[in-house]
Amino acid sequence: PQYAMRGTVSNEKETKDVEIKSE
């Protein structure tokens, strides 16, 4: 997914949160 690709150290937490919400 896109959000997973832009999972940088800065927004790693946000990306993980999005993954959980997306699931």
N, C-alpha and C. Protein backbone atom coordinates (compact mmCIF):
# COMPACT_ATOMS: atom_id res chain seq x y z
N PRO A 1 0.82 -1.23 0.00
CA PRO A 1 0.00 0.00 0.00
C PRO A 1 0.85 1.27 0.00
N GLN A 2 0.24 2.36 -0.35
CA GLN A 2 0.98 3.63 -0.41
C GLN A 2 1.47 4.03 0.97
N TYR A 3 0.57 4.02 1.94
CA TYR A 3 0.96 4.48 3.28
C TYR A 3 2.11 3.64 3.83
N ALA A 4 2.19 2.40 3.41
CA ALA A 4 3.28 1.54 3.89
C ALA A 4 4.59 1.96 3.24
N MET A 5 4.53 2.40 1.98
CA MET A 5 5.74 2.79 1.27
C MET A 5 6.30 4.09 1.84
N ARG A 6 5.43 5.01 2.24
CA ARG A 6 5.92 6.28 2.78
C ARG A 6 6.09 6.19 4.29
N GLY A 7 6.34 4.99 4.79
CA GLY A 7 6.53 4.82 6.24
C GLY A 7 7.96 5.17 6.62
N THR A 8 8.21 6.44 6.86
CA THR A 8 9.55 6.88 7.23
C THR A 8 9.70 6.88 8.75
N VAL A 9 10.91 7.09 9.22
CA VAL A 9 11.15 7.09 10.66
C VAL A 9 10.32 8.20 11.32
N SER A 10 10.07 9.26 10.56
CA SER A 10 9.34 10.40 11.12
C SER A 10 7.87 10.04 11.35
N ASN A 11 7.26 9.38 10.37
CA ASN A 11 5.83 9.07 10.49
C ASN A 11 5.63 7.56 10.57
N GLU A 12 6.61 6.87 11.15
CA GLU A 12 6.48 5.41 11.26
C GLU A 12 5.27 5.07 12.13
N LYS A 13 5.13 5.80 13.23
CA LYS A 13 4.01 5.54 14.14
C LYS A 13 2.69 5.79 13.41
N GLU A 14 2.63 6.86 12.66
CA GLU A 14 1.40 7.19 11.94
C GLU A 14 1.09 6.10 10.92
N THR A 15 2.13 5.65 10.23
CA THR A 15 1.93 4.61 9.22
C THR A 15 1.38 3.35 9.86
N LYS A 16 1.96 2.97 10.99
CA LYS A 16 1.48 1.75 11.67
C LYS A 16 0.03 1.93 12.10
N ASP A 17 -0.29 3.13 12.55
CA ASP A 17 -1.66 3.40 12.98
C ASP A 17 -2.61 3.27 11.78
N VAL A 18 -2.18 3.78 10.65
CA VAL A 18 -3.01 3.71 9.44
C VAL A 18 -3.21 2.26 9.03
N GLU A 19 -2.14 1.48 9.15
CA GLU A 19 -2.26 0.06 8.79
C GLU A 19 -3.30 -0.63 9.65
N ILE A 20 -3.25 -0.38 10.94
CA ILE A 20 -4.20 -1.01 11.87
C ILE A 20 -5.63 -0.54 11.54
N LYS A 21 -5.78 0.76 11.31
CA LYS A 21 -7.12 1.29 11.00
C LYS A 21 -7.60 0.74 9.66
N SER A 22 -6.68 0.61 8.72
CA SER A 22 -7.06 0.11 7.39
C SER A 22 -7.53 -1.34 7.50
N GLU A 23 -6.87 -2.09 8.38
CA GLU A 23 -7.25 -3.50 8.54
C GLU A 23 -8.64 -3.55 9.15
